[in-house]
């Protein structure tokens, strides 16, 4: 991760800085086999078509 820098500190270039937050869960191989990714989810619910007057 790049820390925010002041203008001109590195070769006179502005750097983009930011923050990333993430959460991870470790599970056993058995749990992964019982609940494959995407299989337990419901189908997406699409939006209604827009109405143009």
Protein backbone atom coordinates (compact mmCIF):
# COMPACT_ATOMS: atom_id res chain seq x y z
CA UNK A 1 0.00 0.00 0.00
CA UNK A 2 1.28 3.45 -0.87
CA UNK A 3 1.11 5.98 1.93
CA UNK A 4 -0.14 9.46 1.02
CA UNK A 5 2.75 11.72 0.02
CA UNK A 6 3.18 15.45 -0.30
CA UNK A 7 3.51 16.85 -3.78
CA UNK A 8 7.06 16.69 -5.05
CA UNK A 9 8.41 14.22 -2.47
CA UNK A 10 9.11 11.52 -5.03
CA UNK A 11 10.43 12.69 -8.44
CA UNK A 12 8.04 15.62 -8.43
CA UNK A 13 5.02 13.39 -9.07
CA UNK A 14 1.73 13.32 -7.19
CA UNK A 15 0.91 9.90 -5.76
CA UNK A 16 -2.50 8.42 -5.22
CA UNK A 17 -2.98 7.25 -1.65
CA UNK A 18 -5.88 5.44 -0.10
CA UNK A 19 -7.17 2.92 2.37
CA UNK A 20 -8.44 -0.59 1.80
CA UNK A 21 -10.47 -2.56 4.31
CA UNK A 22 -11.05 -6.28 3.83
CA UNK A 23 -12.39 -9.16 5.88
CA UNK A 24 -11.50 -12.79 5.30
CA UNK A 25 -12.87 -15.99 6.82
CA UNK A 26 -10.83 -19.17 6.90
CA UNK A 27 -12.85 -22.38 6.67
CA UNK A 28 -12.02 -26.06 6.48
CA UNK A 29 -12.01 -28.01 3.21
CA UNK A 30 -15.14 -29.85 4.38
CA UNK A 31 -17.03 -26.58 4.88
CA UNK A 32 -15.91 -25.39 1.45
CA UNK A 33 -17.16 -28.59 -0.21
CA UNK A 34 -20.51 -28.38 1.60
CA UNK A 35 -21.10 -24.74 0.62
CA UNK A 36 -19.54 -24.03 -2.80
CA UNK A 37 -19.28 -20.37 -3.70
CA UNK A 38 -22.41 -19.08 -5.40
CA UNK A 39 -24.47 -22.26 -4.94
CA UNK A 40 -26.32 -21.12 -1.81
CA UNK A 41 -27.32 -17.78 -3.26
CA UNK A 42 -30.72 -16.95 -4.69
CA UNK A 43 -31.11 -15.84 -8.28
CA UNK A 44 -30.69 -12.09 -8.88
CA UNK A 45 -33.84 -9.99 -8.87
CA UNK A 46 -33.75 -7.73 -11.93
CA UNK A 47 -35.17 -4.22 -11.87
CA UNK A 48 -38.42 -3.41 -13.69
CA UNK A 49 -38.00 -1.99 -17.17
CA UNK A 50 -38.00 1.84 -17.20
CA UNK A 51 -41.24 3.52 -18.28
CA UNK A 52 -40.91 6.29 -20.83
CA UNK A 53 -43.89 8.60 -21.25
